[in-house]
N, C-alpha and C. Protein backbone atom coordinates (compact mmCIF):
# COMPACT_ATOMS: atom_id res chain seq x y z
N UNK A 1 -42.75 -10.77 -25.32
CA UNK A 1 -41.40 -10.22 -25.23
C UNK A 1 -40.71 -11.01 -24.13
N UNK A 2 -39.38 -10.67 -23.98
CA UNK A 2 -38.59 -11.70 -23.30
C UNK A 2 -38.48 -11.05 -21.81
N UNK A 3 -38.76 -9.74 -21.53
CA UNK A 3 -38.69 -9.44 -20.30
C UNK A 3 -37.57 -8.01 -20.29
N UNK A 4 -36.64 -8.20 -21.15
CA UNK A 4 -35.74 -6.96 -21.47
C UNK A 4 -36.46 -5.71 -22.25
N UNK A 5 -36.64 -4.71 -21.46
CA UNK A 5 -37.21 -3.56 -21.87
C UNK A 5 -36.05 -2.62 -22.51
N UNK A 6 -36.31 -1.89 -23.71
CA UNK A 6 -35.20 -1.06 -24.47
C UNK A 6 -35.64 0.39 -23.83
N UNK A 7 -34.71 1.24 -23.33
CA UNK A 7 -34.83 2.17 -23.01
C UNK A 7 -33.60 3.14 -22.62
N UNK A 8 -33.83 4.10 -21.75
CA UNK A 8 -32.39 4.93 -21.28
C UNK A 8 -31.47 3.91 -20.86
N UNK A 9 -30.36 3.90 -21.47
CA UNK A 9 -29.07 3.19 -20.86
C UNK A 9 -29.48 1.55 -20.98
N UNK A 10 -30.34 1.38 -21.86
CA UNK A 10 -30.54 -0.17 -22.20
C UNK A 10 -30.75 -0.23 -23.85
N UNK A 11 -29.68 -0.31 -24.55
CA UNK A 11 -30.11 -0.37 -25.95
C UNK A 11 -30.56 -1.90 -26.04
N UNK A 12 -31.04 -1.90 -27.81
CA UNK A 12 -31.46 -3.35 -27.90
C UNK A 12 -30.31 -4.23 -28.04
N UNK A 13 -30.81 -5.49 -28.08
CA UNK A 13 -29.64 -6.40 -27.94
C UNK A 13 -28.81 -6.70 -29.22
N UNK A 14 -29.72 -6.29 -30.27
CA UNK A 14 -29.12 -6.54 -31.41
C UNK A 14 -27.29 -5.42 -31.69
N UNK A 15 -28.00 -4.17 -31.05
CA UNK A 15 -26.58 -3.54 -31.46
C UNK A 15 -25.84 -3.45 -30.35
N UNK A 16 -25.69 -4.09 -29.22
CA UNK A 16 -24.97 -4.28 -28.10
C UNK A 16 -23.58 -4.97 -28.57
N UNK A 17 -22.59 -4.45 -27.63
CA UNK A 17 -21.30 -5.16 -28.39
C UNK A 17 -21.45 -6.86 -28.16
N UNK A 18 -20.74 -7.31 -28.93
CA UNK A 18 -20.96 -8.86 -28.88
C UNK A 18 -19.42 -9.18 -27.50
N UNK A 19 -19.86 -10.45 -27.05
CA UNK A 19 -19.02 -10.91 -25.71
C UNK A 19 -17.60 -11.11 -26.54
N UNK A 20 -16.47 -10.56 -25.87
CA UNK A 20 -15.25 -10.70 -26.37
C UNK A 20 -14.87 -9.59 -27.45
N UNK A 21 -15.62 -9.09 -27.84
CA UNK A 21 -15.46 -7.93 -28.91
C UNK A 21 -15.31 -6.42 -28.30
N UNK A 22 -13.98 -6.14 -28.39
CA UNK A 22 -14.20 -4.31 -27.71
C UNK A 22 -14.98 -3.55 -28.53
N UNK A 23 -15.54 -2.61 -27.96
CA UNK A 23 -15.83 -1.23 -28.21
C UNK A 23 -14.87 -0.28 -29.02
N UNK A 24 -13.86 -0.54 -28.68
CA UNK A 24 -12.82 0.35 -29.14
C UNK A 24 -11.70 -0.19 -29.63
N UNK A 25 -11.89 -0.75 -30.79
CA UNK A 25 -10.65 -1.65 -31.08
C UNK A 25 -9.20 -1.50 -31.38
N UNK A 26 -9.34 -0.09 -31.73
CA UNK A 26 -8.12 0.75 -32.02
C UNK A 26 -7.29 1.17 -30.89
N UNK A 27 -8.20 1.36 -29.66
CA UNK A 27 -7.69 1.83 -28.46
C UNK A 27 -7.85 3.32 -28.49
N UNK A 28 -7.26 3.78 -27.56
CA UNK A 28 -7.23 5.31 -27.17
C UNK A 28 -6.50 5.79 -28.23
N UNK A 29 -6.32 6.95 -28.88
CA UNK A 29 -5.61 7.55 -29.66
C UNK A 29 -4.17 8.14 -29.17
N UNK A 30 -3.08 7.83 -29.48
CA UNK A 30 -1.94 8.35 -28.95
C UNK A 30 -1.96 10.24 -28.78
N UNK A 31 -1.53 10.53 -27.97
CA UNK A 31 -1.72 12.00 -27.42
C UNK A 31 -0.63 12.66 -28.67
N UNK A 32 -1.40 13.63 -29.52
CA UNK A 32 -0.99 14.32 -31.01
C UNK A 32 0.16 15.29 -30.29
N UNK A 33 1.11 15.66 -30.87
CA UNK A 33 2.17 16.54 -30.26
C UNK A 33 1.46 18.07 -30.59
N UNK A 34 1.65 18.88 -29.36
CA UNK A 34 1.50 20.28 -29.60
C UNK A 34 2.11 21.11 -30.73
N UNK A 35 1.12 21.83 -30.76
CA UNK A 35 1.92 22.77 -32.03
C UNK A 35 3.34 23.69 -31.86
N UNK A 36 3.27 24.03 -30.36
CA UNK A 36 4.39 24.72 -30.09
C UNK A 36 5.94 23.70 -30.00
N UNK A 37 5.63 22.67 -29.73
CA UNK A 37 6.68 21.50 -29.65
C UNK A 37 7.03 21.16 -31.19
N UNK A 38 6.08 21.06 -31.97
CA UNK A 38 6.28 20.91 -33.35
C UNK A 38 7.15 21.92 -34.02
N UNK A 39 6.83 23.06 -33.62
CA UNK A 39 7.44 24.39 -34.30
C UNK A 39 8.87 24.37 -33.39
N UNK A 40 9.14 23.97 -32.43
CA UNK A 40 10.19 24.06 -31.71
C UNK A 40 11.40 23.27 -32.23
N UNK A 41 10.62 21.86 -32.42
CA UNK A 41 11.39 21.10 -33.12
C UNK A 41 12.07 21.40 -34.35
N UNK A 42 11.47 21.60 -35.03
CA UNK A 42 11.49 22.45 -36.70
C UNK A 42 12.45 23.11 -36.60
N UNK A 43 12.43 24.28 -35.71
CA UNK A 43 13.40 25.60 -35.64
C UNK A 43 14.95 24.81 -35.16
N UNK A 44 14.82 23.64 -34.46
CA UNK A 44 16.10 23.19 -33.96
C UNK A 44 17.04 22.56 -34.95
N UNK A 45 16.22 22.43 -36.29
CA UNK A 45 16.97 21.74 -37.39
C UNK A 45 17.98 22.42 -38.10
N UNK A 46 18.90 21.67 -38.77
CA UNK A 46 19.66 22.82 -39.24
C UNK A 46 19.76 22.98 -40.84
N UNK A 47 20.44 24.11 -41.38
CA UNK A 47 19.90 24.24 -42.62
C UNK A 47 21.77 24.90 -43.33
N UNK A 48 21.94 24.93 -44.32
CA UNK A 48 23.10 25.32 -44.70
C UNK A 48 22.90 26.69 -45.26
N UNK A 49 23.71 27.85 -44.89
CA UNK A 49 23.26 29.26 -45.46
C UNK A 49 24.74 29.64 -46.05
N UNK A 50 24.90 31.11 -47.03
CA UNK A 50 26.18 31.33 -47.28
C UNK A 50 26.33 32.54 -45.96
N UNK A 51 27.24 32.25 -45.46
CA UNK A 51 27.64 33.50 -44.73
C UNK A 51 29.30 33.87 -45.24
N UNK A 52 29.34 35.09 -45.29
CA UNK A 52 30.58 36.01 -46.00
C UNK A 52 31.46 34.85 -47.05
N UNK A 53 30.37 34.50 -47.98
CA UNK A 53 30.35 33.86 -49.16
C UNK A 53 31.19 32.33 -48.76
N UNK A 54 31.01 31.77 -47.64
CA UNK A 54 31.32 30.60 -47.46
C UNK A 54 29.82 29.54 -46.78
N UNK A 55 29.90 28.38 -46.99
CA UNK A 55 28.64 27.95 -46.54
C UNK A 55 28.89 27.52 -44.83
N UNK A 56 27.75 27.72 -44.10
CA UNK A 56 27.82 27.15 -42.89
C UNK A 56 26.44 26.56 -42.36
N UNK A 57 26.81 25.75 -41.28
CA UNK A 57 25.26 25.13 -40.77
C UNK A 57 24.84 26.06 -39.83
N UNK A 58 23.95 26.52 -39.79
CA UNK A 58 23.17 26.74 -38.53
C UNK A 58 21.71 26.49 -38.28
N UNK A 59 21.17 26.59 -37.03
CA UNK A 59 19.77 25.93 -36.96
C UNK A 59 18.50 27.35 -37.72
N UNK A 60 17.59 26.64 -37.96
CA UNK A 60 16.32 27.35 -38.85
C UNK A 60 16.34 28.67 -37.96
N UNK A 61 16.52 28.48 -36.45
CA UNK A 61 15.94 29.76 -35.70
C UNK A 61 17.06 30.86 -35.77
N UNK A 62 18.22 30.43 -35.77
CA UNK A 62 19.49 31.41 -36.11
C UNK A 62 19.35 31.94 -37.44
N UNK A 63 18.88 30.77 -38.66
CA UNK A 63 18.99 31.56 -39.64
C UNK A 63 17.84 32.96 -40.19
N UNK A 64 16.70 32.51 -39.34
CA UNK A 64 15.57 33.30 -39.51
C UNK A 64 15.77 34.55 -38.57
N UNK A 65 16.58 34.55 -37.52
CA UNK A 65 16.75 35.90 -36.80
C UNK A 65 17.80 36.49 -37.32
N UNK A 66 18.61 35.98 -38.10
CA UNK A 66 20.02 36.67 -38.99
C UNK A 66 19.25 37.48 -40.00
N UNK A 67 18.09 36.55 -40.65
CA UNK A 67 17.49 37.19 -41.72
C UNK A 67 16.62 38.26 -41.21
N UNK A 68 15.87 38.38 -40.39
CA UNK A 68 14.76 39.36 -39.73
C UNK A 68 15.98 40.68 -39.20
N UNK A 69 16.93 40.52 -39.09
CA UNK A 69 17.78 41.44 -38.22
C UNK A 69 18.65 42.18 -39.65
N UNK A 70 18.85 41.36 -40.53
CA UNK A 70 19.28 42.01 -42.07
C UNK A 70 18.19 42.95 -42.75
N UNK A 71 17.23 42.51 -42.41
CA UNK A 71 15.69 43.21 -42.89
C UNK A 71 15.70 44.15 -42.39
N UNK A 72 15.59 44.27 -41.15
CA UNK A 72 15.47 45.69 -40.29
C UNK A 72 16.41 46.54 -40.52
N UNK A 73 17.66 46.35 -40.64
CA UNK A 73 18.76 47.18 -41.31
C UNK A 73 18.39 47.74 -42.72
N UNK A 74 17.88 46.87 -43.58
CA UNK A 74 17.39 47.20 -44.87
C UNK A 74 16.18 47.98 -44.93
N UNK A 75 15.80 48.75 -43.82
CA UNK A 75 14.42 49.36 -43.89
C UNK A 75 13.22 48.82 -43.96
N UNK A 76 13.18 47.66 -43.55
CA UNK A 76 11.91 46.63 -43.73
C UNK A 76 11.54 47.13 -42.31
N UNK A 77 10.38 47.57 -42.13
CA UNK A 77 9.82 48.30 -41.03
C UNK A 77 9.06 47.39 -40.13
N UNK A 78 8.42 46.20 -41.12
CA UNK A 78 8.01 45.00 -40.09
C UNK A 78 8.73 44.55 -39.07
N UNK A 79 10.03 43.82 -40.04
CA UNK A 79 11.34 43.29 -39.33
C UNK A 79 11.91 44.45 -38.01
N UNK A 80 12.18 45.58 -38.28
CA UNK A 80 12.29 46.52 -37.53
C UNK A 80 11.90 46.50 -36.48
N UNK A 81 10.17 46.44 -36.30
CA UNK A 81 9.41 46.10 -35.44
C UNK A 81 9.53 45.35 -34.37
N UNK A 82 9.61 43.95 -35.27
CA UNK A 82 10.00 42.79 -34.46
C UNK A 82 10.97 42.62 -33.91
N UNK A 83 12.33 43.10 -34.37
CA UNK A 83 13.54 43.12 -33.57
C UNK A 83 13.26 44.08 -32.46
N UNK A 84 12.75 45.45 -32.34
CA UNK A 84 12.48 46.08 -31.48
C UNK A 84 11.62 45.46 -30.30
N UNK A 85 10.68 44.84 -30.76
CA UNK A 85 9.94 43.88 -29.65
C UNK A 85 10.85 42.56 -29.15
N UNK A 86 11.29 42.09 -29.93
CA UNK A 86 12.67 41.05 -29.11
C UNK A 86 13.40 41.76 -28.07
N UNK A 87 13.48 42.98 -28.16
CA UNK A 87 14.88 43.66 -27.43
C UNK A 87 13.90 44.17 -26.17
N UNK A 88 12.66 44.47 -26.49
CA UNK A 88 11.62 44.77 -25.07
C UNK A 88 11.42 43.60 -24.34
N UNK A 89 11.31 42.52 -24.97
CA UNK A 89 10.89 41.08 -23.86
C UNK A 89 12.02 40.32 -23.54
N UNK A 90 13.40 40.63 -24.08
CA UNK A 90 14.50 39.71 -23.90
C UNK A 90 14.48 39.91 -22.34
N UNK A 91 15.01 39.10 -21.44
CA UNK A 91 15.40 39.09 -20.30
C UNK A 91 16.86 39.82 -20.20
N UNK A 92 17.21 40.67 -19.04
CA UNK A 92 18.70 41.12 -19.07
C UNK A 92 19.52 40.17 -18.74
N UNK A 93 20.58 40.07 -19.59
CA UNK A 93 21.59 39.31 -19.10
C UNK A 93 22.24 39.57 -18.05
N UNK A 94 22.75 38.00 -17.00
CA UNK A 94 23.18 38.55 -15.99
C UNK A 94 24.55 38.78 -15.72
N UNK A 95 24.77 39.72 -14.91
CA UNK A 95 26.25 39.91 -14.96
C UNK A 95 27.16 38.69 -14.05
N UNK A 96 28.27 38.53 -14.38
CA UNK A 96 29.01 37.53 -13.60
C UNK A 96 29.61 38.04 -12.38
N UNK A 97 29.69 37.51 -11.59
CA UNK A 97 30.30 38.18 -10.34
C UNK A 97 31.83 38.16 -10.51
N UNK A 98 32.44 39.11 -9.86
CA UNK A 98 34.04 39.42 -10.35
C UNK A 98 34.48 38.10 -9.61
N UNK A 99 35.43 37.59 -10.58
CA UNK A 99 36.27 36.62 -10.73
C UNK A 99 35.54 35.28 -10.69
N UNK A 100 34.41 35.15 -11.09
CA UNK A 100 33.41 33.76 -11.07
C UNK A 100 34.12 32.92 -12.12
N UNK A 101 34.56 33.43 -13.30
CA UNK A 101 35.02 32.57 -14.17
C UNK A 101 36.79 32.97 -14.29
N UNK A 102 37.25 33.33 -13.98
CA UNK A 102 38.70 33.16 -13.81
C UNK A 102 39.37 32.42 -13.14
N UNK A 103 40.10 31.80 -14.00
CA UNK A 103 41.18 30.62 -13.69
C UNK A 103 42.29 31.04 -12.69
N UNK A 104 43.28 30.11 -11.95
CA UNK A 104 44.22 30.29 -11.07
C UNK A 104 45.16 31.15 -12.19
N UNK A 105 45.41 31.07 -13.37
CA UNK A 105 46.55 31.67 -14.38
C UNK A 105 45.84 33.09 -14.55
N UNK A 106 44.63 33.34 -14.94
CA UNK A 106 43.66 34.41 -14.91
C UNK A 106 44.40 35.32 -13.25
N UNK A 107 43.99 34.79 -12.48
CA UNK A 107 44.19 35.56 -11.45
C UNK A 107 45.64 36.17 -10.85
N UNK A 108 46.54 35.25 -11.45
CA UNK A 108 47.98 35.73 -11.36
C UNK A 108 47.98 36.64 -12.18
N UNK A 109 47.82 36.54 -13.52
CA UNK A 109 48.13 37.59 -14.63
C UNK A 109 47.34 39.10 -13.78
N UNK A 110 46.33 39.13 -13.38
CA UNK A 110 45.60 40.06 -12.86
C UNK A 110 46.44 40.75 -11.74
N UNK A 111 46.90 39.75 -10.69
CA UNK A 111 47.59 40.29 -9.76
C UNK A 111 49.08 41.02 -10.10
N UNK A 112 49.77 40.40 -11.00
CA UNK A 112 50.97 41.05 -11.57
C UNK A 112 50.88 42.16 -12.25
N UNK A 113 49.59 42.48 -12.87
CA UNK A 113 49.82 43.75 -13.90
C UNK A 113 48.98 44.98 -13.29
N UNK A 114 47.74 44.20 -12.28
CA UNK A 114 47.03 45.40 -11.37
C UNK A 114 47.68 46.69 -11.00
N UNK A 115 49.19 46.24 -10.37
CA UNK A 115 49.60 47.62 -9.98
C UNK A 115 49.90 48.36 -10.71
N UNK A 116 50.54 48.06 -12.31
CA UNK A 116 50.76 48.80 -13.05
C UNK A 116 49.97 49.43 -13.75
N UNK A 117 49.02 48.63 -13.77
CA UNK A 117 47.84 49.65 -14.41
C UNK A 117 46.99 50.77 -13.38
N UNK A 118 47.06 50.61 -12.30
CA UNK A 118 46.37 51.34 -11.05
C UNK A 118 47.66 52.67 -10.76
N UNK A 119 48.97 52.41 -10.72
CA UNK A 119 49.88 53.14 -10.74
C UNK A 119 50.35 54.22 -12.14
N UNK A 120 49.83 53.58 -13.33
CA UNK A 120 50.07 54.72 -14.30
C UNK A 120 49.34 55.85 -14.65
N UNK A 121 48.20 55.91 -13.99
CA UNK A 121 47.26 57.22 -14.05
C UNK A 121 47.90 58.32 -13.12
N UNK A 122 48.71 57.91 -11.78
CA UNK A 122 48.81 58.80 -11.04
C UNK A 122 50.06 59.66 -11.41
N UNK A 123 50.78 59.39 -12.46
CA UNK A 123 52.02 60.13 -12.60
C UNK A 123 51.53 60.86 -13.80
N UNK A 124 50.80 60.80 -14.58
CA UNK A 124 50.55 61.65 -15.76
C UNK A 124 49.79 63.13 -15.18
N UNK A 125 50.39 63.71 -16.30
CA UNK A 125 49.82 65.59 -15.87
C UNK A 125 49.14 66.17 -17.01
C-alpha cells in the first residue's frame, strides 16, 4: 500500500475529482420562480374580450373576476360562494378625508353653492 487509507471521508484516489476539474461543472442552479409569482405574472397579461358587443383588452384577472361574478348572477352556486368569500375577505376601502382631493376650483364651487343648498331646506313647508 502507498500509505493512503480509504475510509470515512477518504474516497479512493481513482474516484476523486481530478485537479483543475470542478465537481459541479454547471454550477448551482438558478432559483426557480415561485408558483405564486408565476400565477401573478400570468394573470397580469391581457386578453381581448367582447363587452357590450365591442372588443376590449383587459387583464386575465379582470376577465376571470367578471366571469365569476356573471356566473354568480346566473345561479352558479360555486361562483356565488366564491364572490361572497371575496367580499368577506376584502379590506374595507378607506374613506378620503373631506377636501383631500378637491382642487381650488372645486372648493370655489362648493363655497358658492353651499349656502344655496343649506338654505333651500329651511323655507319648505
